[in-house]
Amino acid sequence: VPGLGLLQLSSPVLTRMALRQFARPLMQALADLTEGQVQLAVGHRRELCLVELANGMGNTVFRPEIGVSMSLSRTATGRAYLLGMADDERRAYLRELQARDPQRAAALEQRLVDAQGDLARHGFCRSHGDLHSEIESIAVPMSQPQDGELWVFAVSVPVFSPLYTRLETDLGPRLRTLVRSVESVLGASGLA
């Protein structure tokens, strides 16, 4: 897969990504069930790009476009991606962020501790409304990189949704199942 800069400009490249092809129907089914949004992002080095998006019929908030860069520090998807990085690469990113923006780096380090706990306990990372206070998101990284790139799935619902209270008990397990299903189709699961 070419670099993320090219992905952001090239819709035809996106259509050839087999992972997107397998994931799309599962993502749409979950989006319809939650009346929210299901996202698929791919990361390479220190960039994270939205490459697929499924919106449920009742979703009325936050509709980013495919190809946009995603925040590594202020989203569940970004933190799941950072936790999927090699430790030395993540530490280097945090050192660079510390030099540029010490306050944001300190906040991110705490959020990563929280995200690591969420990932260990629940199998997903939470957004805590960091980017958009009216939206709660959870994210699950694939267990193995594909073609050297880490992929992360996320589901987002408005905080006023009845499903908001069921993130941990219902939506999280559904999102984990979606990710493991895609992995099994691709033969990528490190869980076997």
N, C-alpha and C. Protein backbone atom coordinates (compact mmCIF):
# COMPACT_ATOMS: atom_id res chain seq x y z
N VAL A 1 0.85 -1.17 0.00
CA VAL A 1 0.00 0.00 0.00
C VAL A 1 0.90 1.23 0.00
N PRO A 2 0.63 2.18 -0.86
CA PRO A 2 1.44 3.40 -0.91
C PRO A 2 1.34 4.21 0.37
N GLY A 3 2.14 5.25 0.46
CA GLY A 3 2.13 6.12 1.63
C GLY A 3 0.78 6.77 1.83
N LEU A 4 0.56 7.22 3.06
CA LEU A 4 -0.74 7.80 3.40
C LEU A 4 -1.02 9.09 2.64
N GLY A 5 0.00 9.84 2.29
CA GLY A 5 -0.22 11.05 1.51
C GLY A 5 -0.90 10.73 0.19
N LEU A 6 -0.43 9.68 -0.46
CA LEU A 6 -1.05 9.26 -1.71
C LEU A 6 -2.45 8.71 -1.49
N LEU A 7 -2.64 7.96 -0.38
CA LEU A 7 -3.97 7.44 -0.08
C LEU A 7 -4.99 8.56 0.05
N GLN A 8 -4.58 9.65 0.67
CA GLN A 8 -5.50 10.75 0.88
C GLN A 8 -5.93 11.38 -0.43
N LEU A 9 -5.17 11.19 -1.47
CA LEU A 9 -5.50 11.77 -2.77
C LEU A 9 -6.09 10.76 -3.75
N SER A 10 -6.06 9.50 -3.41
CA SER A 10 -6.33 8.48 -4.41
C SER A 10 -7.45 7.53 -4.03
N SER A 11 -8.64 7.84 -4.44
CA SER A 11 -9.78 6.97 -4.19
C SER A 11 -9.63 5.61 -4.86
N PRO A 12 -9.10 5.51 -6.08
CA PRO A 12 -8.93 4.18 -6.68
C PRO A 12 -8.07 3.24 -5.86
N VAL A 13 -7.06 3.77 -5.18
CA VAL A 13 -6.22 2.92 -4.32
C VAL A 13 -7.07 2.32 -3.22
N LEU A 14 -7.96 3.14 -2.64
CA LEU A 14 -8.81 2.66 -1.56
C LEU A 14 -9.70 1.51 -2.02
N THR A 15 -10.21 1.57 -3.23
CA THR A 15 -11.12 0.53 -3.68
C THR A 15 -10.42 -0.81 -3.87
N ARG A 16 -9.09 -0.79 -4.02
CA ARG A 16 -8.36 -2.04 -4.21
C ARG A 16 -7.94 -2.69 -2.90
N MET A 17 -8.14 -2.04 -1.79
CA MET A 17 -7.72 -2.60 -0.51
C MET A 17 -8.67 -3.72 -0.10
N ALA A 18 -8.17 -4.94 -0.11
CA ALA A 18 -9.00 -6.10 0.18
C ALA A 18 -9.63 -6.02 1.57
N LEU A 19 -8.88 -5.52 2.52
CA LEU A 19 -9.41 -5.44 3.88
C LEU A 19 -10.69 -4.61 3.93
N ARG A 20 -10.70 -3.50 3.21
CA ARG A 20 -11.91 -2.66 3.14
C ARG A 20 -13.08 -3.45 2.55
N GLN A 21 -12.79 -4.24 1.53
CA GLN A 21 -13.85 -5.01 0.86
C GLN A 21 -14.50 -6.00 1.83
N PHE A 22 -13.68 -6.67 2.63
CA PHE A 22 -14.21 -7.63 3.59
C PHE A 22 -14.94 -6.94 4.74
N ALA A 23 -14.40 -5.82 5.17
CA ALA A 23 -14.93 -5.16 6.36
C ALA A 23 -16.20 -4.36 6.10
N ARG A 24 -16.38 -3.83 4.92
CA ARG A 24 -17.47 -2.90 4.63
C ARG A 24 -18.85 -3.40 5.03
N PRO A 25 -19.27 -4.61 4.64
CA PRO A 25 -20.63 -5.05 5.03
C PRO A 25 -20.79 -5.22 6.54
N LEU A 26 -19.73 -5.69 7.21
CA LEU A 26 -19.79 -5.84 8.66
C LEU A 26 -19.87 -4.48 9.34
N MET A 27 -19.12 -3.53 8.82
CA MET A 27 -19.15 -2.17 9.36
C MET A 27 -20.53 -1.55 9.19
N GLN A 28 -21.13 -1.73 8.03
CA GLN A 28 -22.45 -1.14 7.79
C GLN A 28 -23.50 -1.76 8.69
N ALA A 29 -23.43 -3.06 8.89
CA ALA A 29 -24.39 -3.73 9.78
C ALA A 29 -24.28 -3.18 11.20
N LEU A 30 -23.06 -2.99 11.69
CA LEU A 30 -22.87 -2.44 13.03
C LEU A 30 -23.31 -0.98 13.10
N ALA A 31 -23.03 -0.21 12.07
CA ALA A 31 -23.47 1.19 12.03
C ALA A 31 -24.99 1.28 12.05
N ASP A 32 -25.65 0.42 11.30
CA ASP A 32 -27.12 0.42 11.28
C ASP A 32 -27.68 0.04 12.65
N LEU A 33 -27.08 -0.95 13.28
CA LEU A 33 -27.53 -1.40 14.59
C LEU A 33 -27.38 -0.28 15.64
N THR A 34 -26.27 0.43 15.58
CA THR A 34 -25.98 1.44 16.60
C THR A 34 -26.56 2.81 16.26
N GLU A 35 -27.02 2.99 15.02
CA GLU A 35 -27.43 4.31 14.53
C GLU A 35 -26.30 5.31 14.77
N GLY A 36 -25.08 4.80 14.61
CA GLY A 36 -23.89 5.61 14.80
C GLY A 36 -23.00 5.51 13.59
N GLN A 37 -21.72 5.49 13.85
CA GLN A 37 -20.74 5.48 12.77
C GLN A 37 -19.65 4.46 13.09
N VAL A 38 -19.25 3.71 12.06
CA VAL A 38 -18.14 2.77 12.20
C VAL A 38 -17.05 3.22 11.23
N GLN A 39 -15.83 3.30 11.74
CA GLN A 39 -14.71 3.82 10.96
C GLN A 39 -13.61 2.77 10.87
N LEU A 40 -12.88 2.84 9.77
CA LEU A 40 -11.68 2.04 9.59
C LEU A 40 -10.55 2.98 9.22
N ALA A 41 -9.48 2.94 9.99
CA ALA A 41 -8.32 3.80 9.74
C ALA A 41 -7.09 2.93 9.58
N VAL A 42 -6.16 3.42 8.79
CA VAL A 42 -4.88 2.74 8.61
C VAL A 42 -3.78 3.72 8.98
N GLY A 43 -2.80 3.19 9.68
CA GLY A 43 -1.69 4.03 10.09
C GLY A 43 -0.39 3.53 9.53
N HIS A 44 0.48 4.47 9.28
CA HIS A 44 1.83 4.16 8.83
C HIS A 44 2.74 5.20 9.44
N ARG A 45 3.73 4.74 10.15
CA ARG A 45 4.63 5.62 10.90
C ARG A 45 3.82 6.46 11.87
N ARG A 46 3.80 7.77 11.67
CA ARG A 46 3.11 8.64 12.63
C ARG A 46 1.91 9.33 12.02
N GLU A 47 1.30 8.67 11.06
CA GLU A 47 0.11 9.20 10.42
C GLU A 47 -1.00 8.16 10.49
N LEU A 48 -2.21 8.66 10.61
CA LEU A 48 -3.39 7.81 10.67
C LEU A 48 -4.42 8.41 9.74
N CYS A 49 -4.96 7.59 8.85
CA CYS A 49 -5.86 8.08 7.81
C CYS A 49 -7.15 7.27 7.81
N LEU A 50 -8.27 7.94 7.71
CA LEU A 50 -9.58 7.29 7.61
C LEU A 50 -9.75 6.75 6.19
N VAL A 51 -9.95 5.43 6.07
CA VAL A 51 -10.06 4.83 4.74
C VAL A 51 -11.42 4.21 4.45
N GLU A 52 -12.25 4.05 5.47
CA GLU A 52 -13.61 3.55 5.24
C GLU A 52 -14.50 4.07 6.34
N LEU A 53 -15.77 4.25 6.00
CA LEU A 53 -16.73 4.85 6.90
C LEU A 53 -18.11 4.28 6.61
N ALA A 54 -18.80 3.88 7.66
CA ALA A 54 -20.19 3.42 7.52
C ALA A 54 -21.04 4.20 8.51
N ASN A 55 -22.08 4.82 8.00
CA ASN A 55 -23.00 5.59 8.84
C ASN A 55 -24.32 4.87 8.96
N GLY A 56 -24.82 4.75 10.19
CA GLY A 56 -26.14 4.18 10.40
C GLY A 56 -27.20 5.18 9.96
N MET A 57 -28.39 4.68 9.69
CA MET A 57 -29.47 5.54 9.20
C MET A 57 -29.80 6.68 10.15
N GLY A 58 -29.68 6.46 11.45
CA GLY A 58 -30.05 7.49 12.41
C GLY A 58 -28.90 8.39 12.83
N ASN A 59 -27.73 8.20 12.25
CA ASN A 59 -26.57 9.00 12.66
C ASN A 59 -26.70 10.43 12.14
N THR A 60 -26.71 11.38 13.06
CA THR A 60 -26.86 12.78 12.66
C THR A 60 -25.68 13.65 13.06
N VAL A 61 -24.65 13.06 13.63
CA VAL A 61 -23.53 13.87 14.09
C VAL A 61 -22.20 13.40 13.49
N PHE A 62 -21.28 14.30 13.36
CA PHE A 62 -19.89 14.08 12.98
C PHE A 62 -19.72 13.09 11.84
N ARG A 63 -19.61 13.61 10.66
CA ARG A 63 -19.40 12.78 9.47
C ARG A 63 -18.12 13.20 8.75
N PRO A 64 -16.98 12.66 9.19
CA PRO A 64 -15.73 13.01 8.52
C PRO A 64 -15.69 12.38 7.12
N GLU A 65 -14.79 12.82 6.32
CA GLU A 65 -14.64 12.30 4.96
C GLU A 65 -13.51 11.27 4.91
N ILE A 66 -13.66 10.32 4.03
CA ILE A 66 -12.60 9.34 3.79
C ILE A 66 -11.37 10.11 3.29
N GLY A 67 -10.23 9.73 3.81
CA GLY A 67 -8.98 10.38 3.41
C GLY A 67 -8.47 11.40 4.40
N VAL A 68 -9.29 11.78 5.39
CA VAL A 68 -8.81 12.77 6.36
C VAL A 68 -7.82 12.13 7.32
N SER A 69 -6.89 12.95 7.78
CA SER A 69 -5.96 12.50 8.82
C SER A 69 -6.68 12.53 10.16
N MET A 70 -6.35 11.59 11.02
CA MET A 70 -6.99 11.50 12.32
C MET A 70 -5.98 11.84 13.41
N SER A 71 -6.46 12.43 14.48
CA SER A 71 -5.61 12.78 15.62
C SER A 71 -5.12 11.52 16.31
N LEU A 72 -3.82 11.48 16.58
CA LEU A 72 -3.27 10.36 17.33
C LEU A 72 -3.51 10.53 18.83
N SER A 73 -3.62 11.77 19.28
CA SER A 73 -3.69 12.02 20.72
C SER A 73 -5.11 12.20 21.24
N ARG A 74 -6.04 12.64 20.40
CA ARG A 74 -7.36 13.02 20.91
C ARG A 74 -8.49 12.08 20.48
N THR A 75 -8.15 10.92 19.93
CA THR A 75 -9.19 9.97 19.52
C THR A 75 -8.87 8.58 20.07
N ALA A 76 -9.91 7.80 20.25
CA ALA A 76 -9.72 6.40 20.65
C ALA A 76 -8.94 5.66 19.57
N THR A 77 -9.24 5.97 18.31
CA THR A 77 -8.55 5.33 17.19
C THR A 77 -7.06 5.65 17.23
N GLY A 78 -6.73 6.91 17.48
CA GLY A 78 -5.33 7.31 17.56
C GLY A 78 -4.59 6.63 18.69
N ARG A 79 -5.23 6.55 19.84
CA ARG A 79 -4.57 5.90 20.98
C ARG A 79 -4.44 4.39 20.77
N ALA A 80 -5.45 3.77 20.15
CA ALA A 80 -5.33 2.35 19.82
C ALA A 80 -4.17 2.13 18.85
N TYR A 81 -4.04 3.03 17.90
CA TYR A 81 -2.93 2.95 16.95
C TYR A 81 -1.59 3.10 17.67
N LEU A 82 -1.48 4.11 18.52
CA LEU A 82 -0.23 4.32 19.26
C LEU A 82 0.14 3.10 20.10
N LEU A 83 -0.86 2.48 20.72
CA LEU A 83 -0.59 1.29 21.53
C LEU A 83 -0.20 0.08 20.68
N GLY A 84 -0.59 0.10 19.41
CA GLY A 84 -0.21 -0.96 18.50
C GLY A 84 1.18 -0.80 17.91
N MET A 85 1.74 0.42 18.05
CA MET A 85 3.10 0.69 17.56
C MET A 85 4.12 -0.07 18.39
N ALA A 86 5.30 -0.24 17.82
CA ALA A 86 6.42 -0.77 18.59
C ALA A 86 6.72 0.22 19.72
N ASP A 87 7.13 -0.28 20.88
CA ASP A 87 7.37 0.57 22.04
C ASP A 87 8.35 1.70 21.75
N ASP A 88 9.44 1.39 21.05
CA ASP A 88 10.44 2.43 20.77
C ASP A 88 9.89 3.52 19.85
N GLU A 89 9.06 3.14 18.89
CA GLU A 89 8.45 4.12 18.00
C GLU A 89 7.47 5.02 18.75
N ARG A 90 6.68 4.41 19.64
CA ARG A 90 5.73 5.19 20.45
C ARG A 90 6.48 6.16 21.38
N ARG A 91 7.55 5.68 22.01
CA ARG A 91 8.34 6.55 22.88
C ARG A 91 8.96 7.71 22.10
N ALA A 92 9.43 7.45 20.89
CA ALA A 92 10.00 8.51 20.05
C ALA A 92 8.92 9.54 19.71
N TYR A 93 7.74 9.08 19.38
CA TYR A 93 6.64 10.01 19.09
C TYR A 93 6.33 10.88 20.32
N LEU A 94 6.28 10.26 21.48
CA LEU A 94 5.98 11.01 22.71
C LEU A 94 7.09 12.01 23.04
N ARG A 95 8.35 11.65 22.79
CA ARG A 95 9.46 12.59 23.01
C ARG A 95 9.34 13.81 22.09
N GLU A 96 9.02 13.56 20.82
CA GLU A 96 8.86 14.66 19.87
C GLU A 96 7.67 15.54 20.25
N LEU A 97 6.58 14.93 20.67
CA LEU A 97 5.42 15.69 21.11
C LEU A 97 5.76 16.51 22.35
N GLN A 98 6.52 15.92 23.27
CA GLN A 98 6.94 16.62 24.49
C GLN A 98 7.73 17.88 24.14
N ALA A 99 8.60 17.78 23.14
CA ALA A 99 9.41 18.94 22.72
C ALA A 99 8.54 20.03 22.10
N ARG A 100 7.51 19.64 21.36
CA ARG A 100 6.63 20.60 20.67
C ARG A 100 5.54 21.15 21.56
N ASP A 101 4.94 20.26 22.37
CA ASP A 101 3.75 20.64 23.14
C ASP A 101 3.71 19.83 24.44
N PRO A 102 4.46 20.28 25.47
CA PRO A 102 4.56 19.50 26.71
C PRO A 102 3.22 19.22 27.38
N GLN A 103 2.30 20.16 27.33
CA GLN A 103 0.99 19.96 27.97
C GLN A 103 0.20 18.85 27.27
N ARG A 104 0.20 18.88 25.94
CA ARG A 104 -0.51 17.84 25.19
C ARG A 104 0.16 16.48 25.38
N ALA A 105 1.49 16.48 25.45
CA ALA A 105 2.22 15.22 25.66
C ALA A 105 1.88 14.61 27.02
N ALA A 106 1.81 15.44 28.05
CA ALA A 106 1.47 14.94 29.39
C ALA A 106 0.04 14.37 29.40
N ALA A 107 -0.88 15.08 28.75
CA ALA A 107 -2.26 14.59 28.69
C ALA A 107 -2.34 13.28 27.92
N LEU A 108 -1.60 13.19 26.82
CA LEU A 108 -1.61 11.96 26.03
C LEU A 108 -1.02 10.80 26.82
N GLU A 109 0.06 11.04 27.54
CA GLU A 109 0.65 9.95 28.32
C GLU A 109 -0.35 9.39 29.32
N GLN A 110 -1.12 10.27 29.98
CA GLN A 110 -2.15 9.78 30.91
C GLN A 110 -3.25 9.03 30.16
N ARG A 111 -3.67 9.57 29.02
CA ARG A 111 -4.70 8.89 28.23
C ARG A 111 -4.21 7.52 27.74
N LEU A 112 -2.93 7.41 27.42
CA LEU A 112 -2.40 6.12 26.99
C LEU A 112 -2.40 5.11 28.12
N VAL A 113 -2.14 5.56 29.34
CA VAL A 113 -2.23 4.66 30.50
C VAL A 113 -3.67 4.17 30.63
N ASP A 114 -4.62 5.10 30.53
CA ASP A 114 -6.05 4.74 30.59
C ASP A 114 -6.41 3.78 29.45
N ALA A 115 -5.94 4.11 28.24
CA ALA A 115 -6.27 3.29 27.06
C ALA A 115 -5.68 1.89 27.18
N GLN A 116 -4.47 1.80 27.73
CA GLN A 116 -3.86 0.49 27.91
C GLN A 116 -4.69 -0.35 28.89
N GLY A 117 -5.18 0.29 29.95
CA GLY A 117 -6.04 -0.40 30.90
C GLY A 117 -7.35 -0.84 30.26
N ASP A 118 -7.96 0.06 29.48
CA ASP A 118 -9.20 -0.29 28.77
C ASP A 118 -8.98 -1.44 27.80
N LEU A 119 -7.86 -1.39 27.08
CA LEU A 119 -7.56 -2.44 26.11
C LEU A 119 -7.37 -3.78 26.81
N ALA A 120 -6.68 -3.78 27.95
CA ALA A 120 -6.46 -5.02 28.70
C ALA A 120 -7.77 -5.54 29.30
N ARG A 121 -8.59 -4.64 29.86
CA ARG A 121 -9.83 -5.04 30.52
C ARG A 121 -10.96 -5.36 29.55
N HIS A 122 -11.14 -4.51 28.54
CA HIS A 122 -12.32 -4.61 27.68
C HIS A 122 -12.02 -5.00 26.24
N GLY A 123 -10.76 -4.88 25.83
CA GLY A 123 -10.41 -5.20 24.45
C GLY A 123 -10.59 -4.03 23.50
N PHE A 124 -10.78 -2.82 24.03
CA PHE A 124 -10.91 -1.63 23.20
C PHE A 124 -10.46 -0.40 23.97
N CYS A 125 -10.18 0.67 23.22
CA CYS A 125 -9.83 1.97 23.80
C CYS A 125 -11.05 2.88 23.70
N ARG A 126 -11.16 3.83 24.64
CA ARG A 126 -12.29 4.78 24.64
C ARG A 126 -11.80 6.18 24.34
N SER A 127 -12.70 6.99 23.78
CA SER A 127 -12.33 8.37 23.44
C SER A 127 -12.52 9.32 24.61
N HIS A 128 -13.46 9.07 25.46
CA HIS A 128 -13.78 9.96 26.58
C HIS A 128 -14.20 11.35 26.09
N GLY A 129 -14.71 11.44 24.88
CA GLY A 129 -15.18 12.71 24.34
C GLY A 129 -14.09 13.74 24.15
N ASP A 130 -12.84 13.32 23.99
CA ASP A 130 -11.72 14.26 23.90
C ASP A 130 -11.81 15.18 22.68
N LEU A 131 -12.20 14.64 21.54
CA LEU A 131 -12.24 15.45 20.32
C LEU A 131 -13.59 16.14 20.15
N HIS A 132 -14.64 15.41 20.43
CA HIS A 132 -16.01 15.94 20.34
C HIS A 132 -16.75 15.51 21.60
N SER A 133 -17.12 16.46 22.44
CA SER A 133 -17.73 16.13 23.73
C SER A 133 -19.09 15.45 23.58
N GLU A 134 -19.74 15.59 22.43
CA GLU A 134 -21.05 14.98 22.24
C GLU A 134 -20.99 13.58 21.65
N ILE A 135 -19.77 13.07 21.45
CA ILE A 135 -19.59 11.76 20.83
C ILE A 135 -18.67 10.91 21.68
N GLU A 136 -19.05 9.67 21.88
CA GLU A 136 -18.18 8.70 22.55
C GLU A 136 -17.81 7.65 21.51
N SER A 137 -16.53 7.31 21.47
CA SER A 137 -16.03 6.32 20.52
C SER A 137 -15.22 5.26 21.24
N ILE A 138 -15.22 4.08 20.66
CA ILE A 138 -14.34 3.02 21.11
C ILE A 138 -13.60 2.50 19.88
N ALA A 139 -12.39 2.01 20.08
CA ALA A 139 -11.57 1.55 18.96
C ALA A 139 -10.86 0.26 19.30
N VAL A 140 -10.74 -0.59 18.29
CA VAL A 140 -10.06 -1.89 18.42
C VAL A 140 -9.04 -2.00 17.29
N PRO A 141 -7.77 -2.16 17.64
CA PRO A 141 -6.77 -2.37 16.59
C PRO A 141 -6.76 -3.82 16.13
N MET A 142 -6.38 -4.05 14.89
CA MET A 142 -6.18 -5.42 14.44
C MET A 142 -4.97 -5.95 15.19
N SER A 143 -4.95 -7.25 15.42
CA SER A 143 -3.88 -7.84 16.24
C SER A 143 -2.55 -7.91 15.51
N GLN A 144 -2.55 -7.85 14.18
CA GLN A 144 -1.32 -7.91 13.39
C GLN A 144 -1.38 -6.85 12.28
N PRO A 145 -0.24 -6.22 11.99
CA PRO A 145 -0.21 -5.28 10.85
C PRO A 145 -0.50 -6.03 9.54
N GLN A 146 -1.03 -5.31 8.58
CA GLN A 146 -1.26 -5.84 7.24
C GLN A 146 -0.35 -5.05 6.30
N ASP A 147 0.51 -5.74 5.59
CA ASP A 147 1.45 -5.08 4.67
C ASP A 147 2.22 -3.97 5.37
N GLY A 148 2.59 -4.21 6.63
CA GLY A 148 3.39 -3.25 7.38
C GLY A 148 2.62 -2.09 7.97
N GLU A 149 1.31 -2.11 7.86
CA GLU A 149 0.49 -1.01 8.36
C GLU A 149 -0.53 -1.52 9.36
N LEU A 150 -0.73 -0.74 10.41
CA LEU A 150 -1.67 -1.12 11.46
C LEU A 150 -3.05 -0.54 11.14
N TRP A 151 -4.06 -1.36 11.24
CA TRP A 151 -5.44 -0.97 10.96
C TRP A 151 -6.22 -0.93 12.28
N VAL A 152 -7.10 0.05 12.39
CA VAL A 152 -7.90 0.23 13.60
C VAL A 152 -9.36 0.46 13.20
N PHE A 153 -10.26 -0.26 13.86
CA PHE A 153 -11.69 -0.07 13.67
C PHE A 153 -12.24 0.71 14.86
N ALA A 154 -13.24 1.53 14.62
CA ALA A 154 -13.86 2.29 15.71
C ALA A 154 -15.36 2.40 15.48
N VAL A 155 -16.09 2.53 16.57
CA VAL A 155 -17.52 2.83 16.49
C VAL A 155 -17.78 4.06 17.37
N SER A 156 -18.61 4.97 16.85
CA SER A 156 -18.93 6.21 17.55
C SER A 156 -20.43 6.36 17.65
N VAL A 157 -20.89 6.79 18.83
CA VAL A 157 -22.31 7.07 19.03
C VAL A 157 -22.43 8.39 19.79
N PRO A 158 -23.52 9.10 19.55
CA PRO A 158 -23.74 10.33 20.32
C PRO A 158 -23.98 9.99 21.79
N VAL A 159 -23.58 10.89 22.69
CA VAL A 159 -23.76 10.63 24.12
C VAL A 159 -25.23 10.59 24.50
N PHE A 160 -26.11 11.12 23.67
CA PHE A 160 -27.54 11.07 23.97
C PHE A 160 -28.21 9.81 23.43
N SER A 161 -27.45 8.94 22.77
CA SER A 161 -27.98 7.68 22.26
C SER A 161 -28.23 6.71 23.40
N PRO A 162 -29.32 5.94 23.33
CA PRO A 162 -29.53 4.90 24.36
C PRO A 162 -28.39 3.88 24.40
N LEU A 163 -27.69 3.69 23.28
CA LEU A 163 -26.59 2.72 23.24
C LEU A 163 -25.32 3.23 23.91
N TYR A 164 -25.26 4.52 24.17
CA TYR A 164 -24.09 5.10 24.84
C TYR A 164 -23.79 4.38 26.15
N THR A 165 -24.83 4.04 26.89
CA THR A 165 -24.65 3.37 28.19
C THR A 165 -24.23 1.91 28.03
N ARG A 166 -24.29 1.40 26.79
CA ARG A 166 -23.95 -0.01 26.56
C ARG A 166 -22.65 -0.18 25.76
N LEU A 167 -21.80 0.84 25.80
CA LEU A 167 -20.53 0.75 25.07
C LEU A 167 -19.70 -0.45 25.53
N GLU A 168 -19.55 -0.59 26.83
CA GLU A 168 -18.69 -1.67 27.35
C GLU A 168 -19.34 -3.04 27.23
N THR A 169 -20.65 -3.12 27.43
CA THR A 169 -21.30 -4.42 27.50
C THR A 169 -21.86 -4.93 26.18
N ASP A 170 -22.09 -4.04 25.22
CA ASP A 170 -22.71 -4.45 23.96
C ASP A 170 -21.88 -4.03 22.75
N LEU A 171 -21.63 -2.74 22.60
CA LEU A 171 -20.93 -2.27 21.40
C LEU A 171 -19.47 -2.72 21.36
N GLY A 172 -18.80 -2.69 22.50
CA GLY A 172 -17.41 -3.14 22.54
C GLY A 172 -17.25 -4.58 22.08
N PRO A 173 -18.02 -5.52 22.66
CA PRO A 173 -17.91 -6.90 22.19
C PRO A 173 -18.29 -7.06 20.71
N ARG A 174 -19.26 -6.29 20.24
CA ARG A 174 -19.62 -6.37 18.81
C ARG A 174 -18.48 -5.87 17.93
N LEU A 175 -17.83 -4.78 18.34
CA LEU A 175 -16.71 -4.26 17.55
C LEU A 175 -15.54 -5.23 17.58
N ARG A 176 -15.24 -5.81 18.73
CA ARG A 176 -14.16 -6.82 18.79
C ARG A 176 -14.47 -7.99 17.87
N THR A 177 -15.73 -8.44 17.86
CA THR A 177 -16.12 -9.54 17.00
C THR A 177 -15.96 -9.18 15.53
N LEU A 178 -16.33 -7.95 15.17
CA LEU A 178 -16.16 -7.49 13.80
C LEU A 178 -14.68 -7.57 13.40
N VAL A 179 -13.80 -7.06 14.25
CA VAL A 179 -12.37 -7.06 13.95
C VAL A 179 -11.84 -8.48 13.82
N ARG A 180 -12.19 -9.35 14.75
CA ARG A 180 -11.71 -10.73 14.70
C ARG A 180 -12.27 -11.47 13.48
N SER A 181 -13.49 -11.13 13.07
CA SER A 181 -14.06 -11.74 11.85
C SER A 181 -13.26 -11.33 10.62
N VAL A 182 -12.94 -10.06 10.52
CA VAL A 182 -12.12 -9.59 9.40
C VAL A 182 -10.75 -10.27 9.44
N GLU A 183 -10.17 -10.36 10.61
CA GLU A 183 -8.87 -11.02 10.73
C GLU A 183 -8.93 -12.48 10.30
N SER A 184 -9.99 -13.17 10.67
CA SER A 184 -10.08 -14.58 10.30
C SER A 184 -10.23 -14.75 8.79
N VAL A 185 -10.97 -13.84 8.16
CA VAL A 185 -11.10 -13.90 6.70
C VAL A 185 -9.74 -13.67 6.04
N LEU A 186 -8.97 -12.75 6.60
CA LEU A 186 -7.65 -12.44 6.04
C LEU A 186 -6.57 -13.39 6.50
N GLY A 187 -6.89 -14.24 7.49
CA GLY A 187 -5.88 -15.12 8.05
C GLY A 187 -4.84 -14.37 8.85
N ALA A 188 -5.28 -13.25 9.45
CA ALA A 188 -4.34 -12.35 10.11
C ALA A 188 -4.38 -12.42 11.63
N SER A 189 -5.24 -13.22 12.19
CA SER A 189 -5.41 -13.20 13.63
C SER A 189 -4.21 -13.78 14.34
N GLY A 190 -3.72 -13.03 15.32
CA GLY A 190 -2.64 -13.52 16.15
C GLY A 190 -3.18 -14.23 17.37
N LEU A 191 -4.49 -14.49 17.39
CA LEU A 191 -5.13 -15.08 18.56
C LEU A 191 -5.23 -16.59 18.51
N ALA A 192 -4.93 -17.19 17.36
CA ALA A 192 -5.10 -18.63 17.20
C ALA A 192 -4.08 -19.41 17.99
